[in-house]
């Protein structure tokens, strides 16, 4: 038996890649770590700068570490490409306050859009079509769409390095939190199925707690137009969901009038009344295109 076990161990060792982290580029190491340590909860962190300008961004280096006192820790890393700091880190260093919102499936596309590197002072709440909700104790706004929101004071910030990819542990003490009644059981406990949380994995992968993995394409590096650029009849749709708006916002520019006309001519046989149907009917058809990830066609329907 010992010989069999020894043989198994040798075979197993021969089939494994053994890697010295120091031999990898930071980006490659980052990719391995995020794919192997997954899925990870998401801290949707809302902050303000010293002038009160809001900022919101997601971070998956995050978890709960203590109940007494109630401590959450998340870590914005220095950007690998140019070793700069993220606005969230700069804001918490200046104000020592943050709201950590949890992310459920209904808002995952809007959350993803906020990871876009919009310029400083651009309001990501407006870009993603999220609702700012005034906090009770701290200055940063809560995300009204989030099922749970933690108002936090920042107790400490521990810098783990000075090079690109280095993390910064933000140790947050919860001073008040808010839970949507819709995710509570009769006894006041949280119903995990109703909460419907999502978590981050490697690459473009996410995990829906009650259904498994799915993919969301990374936001455009050229910056999506944002929900704040939508026509009002799209922005205020009674049919399109938050996730639909998040997908529609992740496009560099709206289709031209000529592109819309050509598209309508192409689908005329299947939808002969497309130009005269109600906004509601167009929005339902646009949702169908979005279900296949076809953002451009969805916009052409909405603009027809």
C-alpha atoms as a PDB file:
ATOM      1  CA  UNK A   1       0.000   0.000   0.000  1.00  0.00           C
ATOM      2  CA  UNK A   2       2.868   2.376   0.822  1.00  0.00           C
ATOM      3  CA  UNK A   3       4.375   1.758  -2.612  1.00  0.00           C
ATOM      4  CA  UNK A   4       1.044   2.500  -4.282  1.00  0.00           C
ATOM      5  CA  UNK A   5       0.665   5.731  -2.314  1.00  0.00           C
ATOM      6  CA  UNK A   6       4.221   6.784  -3.091  1.00  0.00           C
ATOM      7  CA  UNK A   7       3.613   6.146  -6.796  1.00  0.00           C
ATOM      8  CA  UNK A   8       0.393   8.185  -6.670  1.00  0.00           C
ATOM      9  CA  UNK A   9       2.205  11.078  -5.000  1.00  0.00           C
ATOM     10  CA  UNK A  10       4.945  11.070  -7.642  1.00  0.00           C
ATOM     11  CA  UNK A  11       2.395  10.965 -10.479  1.00  0.00           C
ATOM     12  CA  UNK A  12       0.405  13.761  -8.865  1.00  0.00           C
ATOM     13  CA  UNK A  13       3.511  15.921  -8.513  1.00  0.00           C
ATOM     14  CA  UNK A  14       4.419  15.355 -12.150  1.00  0.00           C
ATOM     15  CA  UNK A  15       0.961  16.550 -13.247  1.00  0.00           C
ATOM     16  CA  UNK A  16       1.047  19.810 -11.286  1.00  0.00           C
ATOM     17  CA  UNK A  17       2.562  23.124 -12.374  1.00  0.00           C
ATOM     18  CA  UNK A  18       4.740  24.476  -9.559  1.00  0.00           C
ATOM     19  CA  UNK A  19       5.234  28.223  -9.852  1.00  0.00           C
ATOM     20  CA  UNK A  20       7.454  30.697  -8.065  1.00  0.00           C
ATOM     21  CA  UNK A  21       5.355  33.935  -7.836  1.00  0.00           C
ATOM     22  CA  UNK A  22       8.506  36.011  -8.360  1.00  0.00           C
ATOM     23  CA  UNK A  23       8.916  34.572 -11.868  1.00  0.00           C
ATOM     24  CA  UNK A  24       5.527  35.883 -13.043  1.00  0.00           C
ATOM     25  CA  UNK A  25       4.456  39.305 -14.201  1.00  0.00           C
ATOM     26  CA  UNK A  26       2.093  41.033 -11.769  1.00  0.00           C
ATOM     27  CA  UNK A  27      -0.791  40.790 -14.221  1.00  0.00           C
ATOM     28  CA  UNK A  28      -0.278  37.029 -14.701  1.00  0.00           C
ATOM     29  CA  UNK A  29       0.005  36.414 -10.964  1.00  0.00           C
ATOM     30  CA  UNK A  30      -3.101  38.547 -10.412  1.00  0.00           C
ATOM     31  CA  UNK A  31      -4.998  36.387 -12.916  1.00  0.00           C
ATOM     32  CA  UNK A  32      -3.981  33.136 -11.188  1.00  0.00           C
ATOM     33  CA  UNK A  33      -4.920  34.431  -7.739  1.00  0.00           C
ATOM     34  CA  UNK A  34      -8.340  35.702  -8.819  1.00  0.00           C
ATOM     35  CA  UNK A  35      -9.183  32.510 -10.683  1.00  0.00           C
ATOM     36  CA  UNK A  36      -8.036  30.194  -7.882  1.00  0.00           C
ATOM     37  CA  UNK A  37      -9.455  32.077  -4.893  1.00  0.00           C
ATOM     38  CA  UNK A  38     -13.053  32.273  -6.047  1.00  0.00           C
ATOM     39  CA  UNK A  39     -15.858  33.093  -5.845  1.00  0.00           C
ATOM     40  CA  UNK A  40     -15.285  36.196  -3.700  1.00  0.00           C
ATOM     41  CA  UNK A  41     -17.932  38.506  -2.175  1.00  0.00           C
ATOM     42  CA  UNK A  42     -18.160  42.001  -3.614  1.00  0.00           C
ATOM     43  CA  UNK A  43     -17.817  45.211  -1.616  1.00  0.00           C
ATOM     44  CA  UNK A  44     -19.671  47.866  -3.589  1.00  0.00           C
ATOM     45  CA  UNK A  45     -17.919  50.768  -1.868  1.00  0.00           C
ATOM     46  CA  UNK A  46     -19.419  54.251  -1.876  1.00  0.00           C
ATOM     47  CA  UNK A  47     -17.254  57.195  -0.840  1.00  0.00           C
ATOM     48  CA  UNK A  48     -17.095  60.971  -1.174  1.00  0.00           C
ATOM     49  CA  UNK A  49     -14.096  63.246  -1.644  1.00  0.00           C
ATOM     50  CA  UNK A  50     -13.361  66.247   0.586  1.00  0.00           C
ATOM     51  CA  UNK A  51     -15.716  68.375  -1.532  1.00  0.00           C
ATOM     52  CA  UNK A  52     -18.577  65.883  -1.212  1.00  0.00           C
ATOM     53  CA  UNK A  53     -18.367  64.486  -4.761  1.00  0.00           C
ATOM     54  CA  UNK A  54     -19.692  60.881  -4.736  1.00  0.00           C
ATOM     55  CA  UNK A  55     -17.804  57.874  -6.035  1.00  0.00           C
ATOM     56  CA  UNK A  56     -18.716  54.197  -6.150  1.00  0.00           C
ATOM     57  CA  UNK A  57     -16.680  51.191  -7.203  1.00  0.00           C
ATOM     58  CA  UNK A  58     -16.706  47.393  -6.655  1.00  0.00           C
ATOM     59  CA  UNK A  59     -13.928  45.428  -4.920  1.00  0.00           C
ATOM     60  CA  UNK A  60     -13.725  41.659  -4.561  1.00  0.00           C
ATOM     61  CA  UNK A  61     -10.823  41.586  -2.110  1.00  0.00           C
ATOM     62  CA  UNK A  62     -13.406  41.747   0.683  1.00  0.00           C
ATOM     63  CA  UNK A  63     -14.892  39.934   3.658  1.00  0.00           C
ATOM     64  CA  UNK A  64     -16.223  40.199   7.233  1.00  0.00           C
ATOM     65  CA  UNK A  65     -13.603  39.675   9.956  1.00  0.00           C
ATOM     66  CA  UNK A  66     -15.241  40.389  13.318  1.00  0.00           C
ATOM     67  CA  UNK A  67     -18.674  40.655  14.924  1.00  0.00           C
ATOM     68  CA  UNK A  68     -17.651  42.418  18.149  1.00  0.00           C
ATOM     69  CA  UNK A  69     -16.730  44.995  17.019  1.00  0.00           C
ATOM     70  CA  UNK A  70     -18.372  44.524  13.582  1.00  0.00           C
ATOM     71  CA  UNK A  71     -15.455  44.780  11.155  1.00  0.00           C
ATOM     72  CA  UNK A  72     -15.408  44.557   7.363  1.00  0.00           C
ATOM     73  CA  UNK A  73     -12.177  44.745   5.353  1.00  0.00           C
ATOM     74  CA  UNK A  74     -11.771  45.437   1.655  1.00  0.00           C
ATOM     75  CA  UNK A  75      -8.675  46.197  -0.372  1.00  0.00           C
ATOM     76  CA  UNK A  76      -8.359  48.555  -3.354  1.00  0.00           C
ATOM     77  CA  UNK A  77      -5.146  47.581  -5.119  1.00  0.00           C
ATOM     78  CA  UNK A  78      -2.791  49.985  -6.836  1.00  0.00           C
ATOM     79  CA  UNK A  79      -3.343  49.835 -10.596  1.00  0.00           C
ATOM     80  CA  UNK A  80      -0.976  47.367 -12.241  1.00  0.00           C
ATOM     81  CA  UNK A  81      -0.626  49.282 -15.503  1.00  0.00           C
ATOM     82  CA  UNK A  82       0.625  52.586 -14.067  1.00  0.00           C
ATOM     83  CA  UNK A  83       0.920  52.107 -10.276  1.00  0.00           C
ATOM     84  CA  UNK A  84      -1.684  54.788  -9.510  1.00  0.00           C
ATOM     85  CA  UNK A  85      -4.191  54.766  -6.646  1.00  0.00           C
ATOM     86  CA  UNK A  86      -7.929  54.380  -7.074  1.00  0.00           C
ATOM     87  CA  UNK A  87     -10.299  57.206  -6.165  1.00  0.00           C
ATOM     88  CA  UNK A  88     -11.899  55.057  -3.453  1.00  0.00           C
ATOM     89  CA  UNK A  89      -8.593  54.759  -1.586  1.00  0.00           C
ATOM     90  CA  UNK A  90      -7.907  58.489  -1.880  1.00  0.00           C
ATOM     91  CA  UNK A  91     -11.395  59.297  -0.592  1.00  0.00           C
ATOM     92  CA  UNK A  92     -11.276  57.027   2.475  1.00  0.00           C
ATOM     93  CA  UNK A  93      -7.831  58.355   3.357  1.00  0.00           C
ATOM     94  CA  UNK A  94      -9.260  61.875   3.303  1.00  0.00           C
ATOM     95  CA  UNK A  95     -12.645  61.297   4.974  1.00  0.00           C
ATOM     96  CA  UNK A  96     -12.295  58.011   6.944  1.00  0.00           C
ATOM     97  CA  UNK A  97     -15.851  57.001   5.927  1.00  0.00           C
ATOM     98  CA  UNK A  98     -17.359  54.507   3.472  1.00  0.00           C
ATOM     99  CA  UNK A  99     -20.609  52.692   2.763  1.00  0.00           C
ATOM    100  CA  UNK A 100     -20.247  49.061   1.724  1.00  0.00           C
ATOM    101  CA  UNK A 101     -23.251  47.867  -0.271  1.00  0.00           C
ATOM    102  CA  UNK A 102     -23.790  44.197  -1.100  1.00  0.00           C
ATOM    103  CA  UNK A 103     -24.509  43.232  -4.701  1.00  0.00           C
ATOM    104  CA  UNK A 104     -27.385  41.020  -5.789  1.00  0.00           C
ATOM    105  CA  UNK A 105     -28.162  39.673  -9.245  1.00  0.00           C
ATOM    106  CA  UNK A 106     -30.683  42.407 -10.084  1.00  0.00           C
ATOM    107  CA  UNK A 107     -27.965  45.082 -10.115  1.00  0.00           C
ATOM    108  CA  UNK A 108     -24.880  43.169 -11.268  1.00  0.00           C
ATOM    109  CA  UNK A 109     -24.594  44.848 -14.694  1.00  0.00           C
ATOM    110  CA  UNK A 110     -24.901  48.298 -13.137  1.00  0.00           C
ATOM    111  CA  UNK A 111     -22.237  47.354 -10.592  1.00  0.00           C
ATOM    112  CA  UNK A 112     -19.960  46.102 -13.371  1.00  0.00           C
ATOM    113  CA  UNK A 113     -20.314  49.391 -15.248  1.00  0.00           C
ATOM    114  CA  UNK A 114     -19.022  51.342 -12.235  1.00  0.00           C
ATOM    115  CA  UNK A 115     -15.691  49.528 -12.472  1.00  0.00           C
ATOM    116  CA  UNK A 116     -15.044  51.662 -15.559  1.00  0.00           C
ATOM    117  CA  UNK A 117     -12.219  54.162 -15.031  1.00  0.00           C
ATOM    118  CA  UNK A 118     -14.343  57.285 -15.326  1.00  0.00           C
ATOM    119  CA  UNK A 119     -12.462  60.554 -14.642  1.00  0.00           C
ATOM    120  CA  UNK A 120     -12.329  62.023 -11.144  1.00  0.00           C
ATOM    121  CA  UNK A 121     -15.541  63.779 -10.020  1.00  0.00           C
ATOM    122  CA  UNK A 122     -17.696  61.876 -12.551  1.00  0.00           C
ATOM    123  CA  UNK A 123     -20.689  60.511 -10.631  1.00  0.00           C
ATOM    124  CA  UNK A 124     -20.761  56.732 -11.197  1.00  0.00           C
ATOM    125  CA  UNK A 125     -24.200  56.546  -9.566  1.00  0.00           C
ATOM    126  CA  UNK A 126     -25.571  58.561 -12.486  1.00  0.00           C
ATOM    127  CA  UNK A 127     -23.508  56.680 -15.070  1.00  0.00           C
ATOM    128  CA  UNK A 128     -24.873  53.336 -13.830  1.00  0.00           C
ATOM    129  CA  UNK A 129     -28.437  54.535 -13.222  1.00  0.00           C
ATOM    130  CA  UNK A 130     -28.222  53.799  -9.500  1.00  0.00           C
ATOM    131  CA  UNK A 131     -30.111  55.740  -6.829  1.00  0.00           C
ATOM    132  CA  UNK A 132     -28.197  57.706  -4.189  1.00  0.00           C
ATOM    133  CA  UNK A 133     -29.728  57.277  -0.726  1.00  0.00           C
ATOM    134  CA  UNK A 134     -28.602  59.562   2.094  1.00  0.00           C
ATOM    135  CA  UNK A 135     -26.875  57.743   4.942  1.00  0.00           C
ATOM    136  CA  UNK A 136     -27.872  58.275   8.574  1.00  0.00           C
ATOM    137  CA  UNK A 137     -24.406  58.633  10.128  1.00  0.00           C
ATOM    138  CA  UNK A 138     -21.682  58.875   7.463  1.00  0.00           C
ATOM    139  CA  UNK A 139     -21.414  61.247   4.500  1.00  0.00           C
ATOM    140  CA  UNK A 140     -21.129  58.741   1.602  1.00  0.00           C
ATOM    141  CA  UNK A 141     -24.421  57.785  -0.017  1.00  0.00           C
ATOM    142  CA  UNK A 142     -25.945  54.326   0.081  1.00  0.00           C
ATOM    143  CA  UNK A 143     -27.063  52.450  -3.040  1.00  0.00           C
ATOM    144  CA  UNK A 144     -30.844  52.299  -2.755  1.00  0.00           C
ATOM    145  CA  UNK A 145     -30.982  49.213  -4.993  1.00  0.00           C
ATOM    146  CA  UNK A 146     -28.617  47.206  -2.744  1.00  0.00           C
ATOM    147  CA  UNK A 147     -30.473  44.803  -0.405  1.00  0.00           C
ATOM    148  CA  UNK A 148     -27.990  45.436   2.437  1.00  0.00           C
ATOM    149  CA  UNK A 149     -25.974  48.618   3.103  1.00  0.00           C
ATOM    150  CA  UNK A 150     -23.289  49.054   5.780  1.00  0.00           C
ATOM    151  CA  UNK A 151     -22.405  52.554   6.963  1.00  0.00           C
ATOM    152  CA  UNK A 152     -18.798  52.412   8.166  1.00  0.00           C
ATOM    153  CA  UNK A 153     -16.102  54.446   9.854  1.00  0.00           C
ATOM    154  CA  UNK A 154     -12.562  53.618   8.700  1.00  0.00           C
ATOM    155  CA  UNK A 155     -10.435  52.516  11.659  1.00  0.00           C
ATOM    156  CA  UNK A 156      -7.194  51.898   9.810  1.00  0.00           C
ATOM    157  CA  UNK A 157      -5.604  51.577   6.369  1.00  0.00           C
ATOM    158  CA  UNK A 158      -2.728  49.131   6.004  1.00  0.00           C
ATOM    159  CA  UNK A 159      -0.641  49.543   2.856  1.00  0.00           C
ATOM    160  CA  UNK A 160       0.759  46.206   1.676  1.00  0.00           C
ATOM    161  CA  UNK A 161       3.256  47.591  -0.834  1.00  0.00           C
ATOM    162  CA  UNK A 162       4.205  50.467  -3.082  1.00  0.00           C
ATOM    163  CA  UNK A 163       4.247  48.818  -6.510  1.00  0.00           C
ATOM    164  CA  UNK A 164       1.431  48.190  -8.991  1.00  0.00           C
ATOM    165  CA  UNK A 165      -0.892  45.436  -7.727  1.00  0.00           C
ATOM    166  CA  UNK A 166      -0.188  46.130  -4.033  1.00  0.00           C
ATOM    167  CA  UNK A 167      -3.282  46.039  -1.851  1.00  0.00           C
ATOM    168  CA  UNK A 168      -4.441  48.511   0.785  1.00  0.00           C
ATOM    169  CA  UNK A 169      -6.419  46.941   3.623  1.00  0.00           C
ATOM    170  CA  UNK A 170      -9.228  49.294   4.606  1.00  0.00           C
ATOM    171  CA  UNK A 171     -10.468  48.217   8.033  1.00  0.00           C
ATOM    172  CA  UNK A 172     -14.045  49.412   8.457  1.00  0.00           C
ATOM    173  CA  UNK A 173     -16.203  49.398  11.563  1.00  0.00           C
ATOM    174  CA  UNK A 174     -19.921  49.144  10.892  1.00  0.00           C
ATOM    175  CA  UNK A 175     -21.750  51.950  12.718  1.00  0.00           C
ATOM    176  CA  UNK A 176     -25.177  51.300  11.194  1.00  0.00           C
ATOM    177  CA  UNK A 177     -26.595  48.955   8.600  1.00  0.00           C
ATOM    178  CA  UNK A 178     -29.808  48.654   6.611  1.00  0.00           C
ATOM    179  CA  UNK A 179     -31.572  45.536   5.286  1.00  0.00           C
ATOM    180  CA  UNK A 180     -34.386  45.501   2.740  1.00  0.00           C
ATOM    181  CA  UNK A 181     -37.532  43.974   4.256  1.00  0.00           C
ATOM    182  CA  UNK A 182     -38.000  41.929   1.078  1.00  0.00           C
ATOM    183  CA  UNK A 183     -35.018  39.693   1.907  1.00  0.00           C
ATOM    184  CA  UNK A 184     -36.021  39.015   5.538  1.00  0.00           C
ATOM    185  CA  UNK A 185     -37.820  35.990   6.924  1.00  0.00           C
ATOM    186  CA  UNK A 186     -40.654  36.388   9.422  1.00  0.00           C
ATOM    187  CA  UNK A 187     -38.206  35.875  12.310  1.00  0.00           C
ATOM    188  CA  UNK A 188     -36.016  38.737  11.055  1.00  0.00           C
ATOM    189  CA  UNK A 189     -33.240  36.536   9.662  1.00  0.00           C
ATOM    190  CA  UNK A 190     -31.931  36.995   6.121  1.00  0.00           C
ATOM    191  CA  UNK A 191     -33.265  34.614   3.491  1.00  0.00           C
ATOM    192  CA  UNK A 192     -30.222  33.742   1.369  1.00  0.00           C
ATOM    193  CA  UNK A 193     -32.330  32.785  -1.645  1.00  0.00           C
ATOM    194  CA  UNK A 194     -34.200  36.079  -1.594  1.00  0.00           C
ATOM    195  CA  UNK A 195     -30.931  37.957  -1.095  1.00  0.00           C
ATOM    196  CA  UNK A 196     -29.643  36.411  -4.355  1.00  0.00           C
ATOM    197  CA  UNK A 197     -26.046  37.584  -3.963  1.00  0.00           C
ATOM    198  CA  UNK A 198     -23.414  37.490  -6.689  1.00  0.00           C
ATOM    199  CA  UNK A 199     -19.687  36.932  -6.244  1.00  0.00           C
ATOM    200  CA  UNK A 200     -16.611  37.574  -8.362  1.00  0.00           C
ATOM    201  CA  UNK A 201     -14.387  34.952  -9.947  1.00  0.00           C
ATOM    202  CA  UNK A 202     -11.535  35.103 -12.471  1.00  0.00           C
ATOM    203  CA  UNK A 203     -11.667  36.823 -15.866  1.00  0.00           C
ATOM    204  CA  UNK A 204     -15.206  37.776 -16.859  1.00  0.00           C
ATOM    205  CA  UNK A 205     -16.811  35.198 -14.562  1.00  0.00           C
ATOM    206  CA  UNK A 206     -19.235  35.851 -11.713  1.00  0.00           C
ATOM    207  CA  UNK A 207     -21.159  33.417  -9.550  1.00  0.00           C
ATOM    208  CA  UNK A 208     -24.822  33.741  -8.638  1.00  0.00           C
ATOM    209  CA  UNK A 209     -25.169  32.179  -5.195  1.00  0.00           C
ATOM    210  CA  UNK A 210     -28.247  30.130  -6.046  1.00  0.00           C
ATOM    211  CA  UNK A 211     -27.493  29.291  -9.690  1.00  0.00           C
ATOM    212  CA  UNK A 212     -23.750  29.133 -10.397  1.00  0.00           C
ATOM    213  CA  UNK A 213     -21.370  30.818 -12.817  1.00  0.00           C
ATOM    214  CA  UNK A 214     -22.179  33.334 -15.540  1.00  0.00           C
ATOM    215  CA  UNK A 215     -20.165  35.866 -17.545  1.00  0.00           C
ATOM    216  CA  UNK A 216     -20.293  39.636 -17.914  1.00  0.00           C
ATOM    217  CA  UNK A 217     -18.023  41.269 -20.506  1.00  0.00           C
ATOM    218  CA  UNK A 218     -15.662  43.779 -18.940  1.00  0.00           C
ATOM    219  CA  UNK A 219     -16.733  47.434 -19.328  1.00  0.00           C
ATOM    220  CA  UNK A 220     -15.349  49.304 -22.324  1.00  0.00           C
ATOM    221  CA  UNK A 221     -11.902  50.765 -21.723  1.00  0.00           C
ATOM    222  CA  UNK A 222     -13.028  53.643 -23.952  1.00  0.00           C
ATOM    223  CA  UNK A 223     -15.809  54.419 -21.399  1.00  0.00           C
ATOM    224  CA  UNK A 224     -19.466  53.547 -21.861  1.00  0.00           C
ATOM    225  CA  UNK A 225     -21.897  56.397 -22.464  1.00  0.00           C
ATOM    226  CA  UNK A 226     -23.630  55.849 -19.110  1.00  0.00           C
ATOM    227  CA  UNK A 227     -27.299  55.867 -18.181  1.00  0.00           C
ATOM    228  CA  UNK A 228     -27.191  59.638 -17.681  1.00  0.00           C
ATOM    229  CA  UNK A 229     -26.788  59.984 -21.490  1.00  0.00           C
ATOM    230  CA  UNK A 230     -29.962  58.040 -22.300  1.00  0.00           C
ATOM    231  CA  UNK A 231     -33.122  59.606 -23.750  1.00  0.00           C
ATOM    232  CA  UNK A 232     -35.652  60.030 -20.927  1.00  0.00           C
ATOM    233  CA  UNK A 233     -38.062  57.480 -22.395  1.00  0.00           C
ATOM    234  CA  UNK A 234     -35.319  54.843 -22.097  1.00  0.00           C
ATOM    235  CA  UNK A 235     -33.896  55.996 -18.755  1.00  0.00           C
ATOM    236  CA  UNK A 236     -37.366  56.011 -17.158  1.00  0.00           C
ATOM    237  CA  UNK A 237     -38.597  52.790 -18.792  1.00  0.00           C
ATOM    238  CA  UNK A 238     -41.149  50.722 -16.891  1.00  0.00           C
ATOM    239  CA  UNK A 239     -39.986  47.605 -18.780  1.00  0.00           C
ATOM    240  CA  UNK A 240     -36.193  47.743 -18.770  1.00  0.00           C
ATOM    241  CA  UNK A 241     -34.527  46.516 -15.581  1.00  0.00           C
ATOM    242  CA  UNK A 242     -31.468  47.897 -13.833  1.00  0.00           C
ATOM    243  CA  UNK A 243     -29.375  45.171 -15.451  1.00  0.00           C
ATOM    244  CA  UNK A 244     -30.801  46.132 -18.859  1.00  0.00           C
ATOM    245  CA  UNK A 245     -29.813  49.764 -18.283  1.00  0.00           C
ATOM    246  CA  UNK A 246     -26.337  48.706 -17.193  1.00  0.00           C
ATOM    247  CA  UNK A 247     -25.862  46.715 -20.399  1.00  0.00           C
ATOM    248  CA  UNK A 248     -27.207  49.521 -22.592  1.00  0.00           C
ATOM    249  CA  UNK A 249     -24.833  51.993 -20.924  1.00  0.00           C
ATOM    250  CA  UNK A 250     -21.773  49.937 -21.844  1.00  0.00           C
ATOM    251  CA  UNK A 251     -21.537  51.202 -25.421  1.00  0.00           C
ATOM    252  CA  UNK A 252     -19.135  53.798 -26.770  1.00  0.00           C
ATOM    253  CA  UNK A 253     -21.694  55.738 -28.850  1.00  0.00           C
ATOM    254  CA  UNK A 254     -25.335  55.458 -29.852  1.00  0.00           C
ATOM    255  CA  UNK A 255     -26.097  54.088 -33.347  1.00  0.00           C
ATOM    256  CA  UNK A 256     -26.487  56.752 -36.025  1.00  0.00           C
ATOM    257  CA  UNK A 257     -29.820  57.529 -37.667  1.00  0.00           C
ATOM    258  CA  UNK A 258     -28.598  55.754 -40.825  1.00  0.00           C
ATOM    259  CA  UNK A 259     -27.638  52.638 -38.846  1.00  0.00           C
ATOM    260  CA  UNK A 260     -31.083  52.578 -37.221  1.00  0.00           C
ATOM    261  CA  UNK A 261     -32.868  52.970 -40.558  1.00  0.00           C
ATOM    262  CA  UNK A 262     -30.832  50.163 -42.162  1.00  0.00           C
ATOM    263  CA  UNK A 263     -31.543  47.883 -39.199  1.00  0.00           C
ATOM    264  CA  UNK A 264     -35.282  48.576 -39.281  1.00  0.00           C
ATOM    265  CA  UNK A 265     -35.312  47.797 -43.003  1.00  0.00           C
ATOM    266  CA  UNK A 266     -33.611  44.467 -42.305  1.00  0.00           C
ATOM    267  CA  UNK A 267     -36.097  43.377 -39.618  1.00  0.00           C
ATOM    268  CA  UNK A 268     -39.139  44.859 -41.380  1.00  0.00           C
ATOM    269  CA  UNK A 269     -40.477  41.496 -42.482  1.00  0.00           C
ATOM    270  CA  UNK A 270     -40.486  40.118 -38.916  1.00  0.00           C
ATOM    271  CA  UNK A 271     -41.616  43.382 -37.314  1.00  0.00           C
ATOM    272  CA  UNK A 272     -43.544  45.365 -39.953  1.00  0.00           C
ATOM    273  CA  UNK A 273     -45.009  47.800 -37.402  1.00  0.00           C
ATOM    274  CA  UNK A 274     -41.813  48.511 -35.509  1.00  0.00           C
ATOM    275  CA  UNK A 275     -41.953  52.267 -36.189  1.00  0.00           C
ATOM    276  CA  UNK A 276     -45.503  52.673 -34.896  1.00  0.00           C
ATOM    277  CA  UNK A 277     -45.626  50.354 -31.878  1.00  0.00           C
ATOM    278  CA  UNK A 278     -45.567  51.799 -28.354  1.00  0.00           C
ATOM    279  CA  UNK A 279     -42.417  52.443 -26.348  1.00  0.00           C
ATOM    280  CA  UNK A 280     -43.418  49.545 -24.100  1.00  0.00           C
ATOM    281  CA  UNK A 281     -43.487  47.117 -27.025  1.00  0.00           C
ATOM    282  CA  UNK A 282     -40.132  48.393 -28.313  1.00  0.00           C
ATOM    283  CA  UNK A 283     -38.639  48.018 -24.869  1.00  0.00           C
ATOM    284  CA  UNK A 284     -39.816  44.401 -24.671  1.00  0.00           C
ATOM    285  CA  UNK A 285     -38.221  43.676 -28.044  1.00  0.00           C
ATOM    286  CA  UNK A 286     -35.019  45.429 -26.950  1.00  0.00           C
ATOM    287  CA  UNK A 287     -34.925  43.225 -23.829  1.00  0.00           C
ATOM    288  CA  UNK A 288     -35.049  40.196 -26.092  1.00  0.00           C
ATOM    289  CA  UNK A 289     -31.931  41.381 -27.932  1.00  0.00           C
ATOM    290  CA  UNK A 290     -30.214  42.132 -24.615  1.00  0.00           C
ATOM    291  CA  UNK A 291     -30.883  38.569 -23.450  1.00  0.00           C
ATOM    292  CA  UNK A 292     -28.500  37.502 -26.237  1.00  0.00           C
ATOM    293  CA  UNK A 293     -25.963  40.207 -25.367  1.00  0.00           C
ATOM    294  CA  UNK A 294     -26.776  42.202 -28.520  1.00  0.00           C
ATOM    295  CA  UNK A 295     -26.584  45.743 -27.139  1.00  0.00           C
ATOM    296  CA  UNK A 296     -26.299  47.465 -30.518  1.00  0.00           C
ATOM    297  CA  UNK A 297     -29.482  45.904 -31.917  1.00  0.00           C
ATOM    298  CA  UNK A 298     -31.331  46.687 -28.694  1.00  0.00           C
ATOM    299  CA  UNK A 299     -30.407  50.361 -29.081  1.00  0.00           C
ATOM    300  CA  UNK A 300     -31.492  50.385 -32.732  1.00  0.00           C
ATOM    301  CA  UNK A 301     -34.920  49.114 -31.671  1.00  0.00           C
ATOM    302  CA  UNK A 302     -35.183  51.699 -28.902  1.00  0.00           C
ATOM    303  CA  UNK A 303     -34.195  54.544 -31.249  1.00  0.00           C
ATOM    304  CA  UNK A 304     -36.483  53.477 -34.116  1.00  0.00           C
END
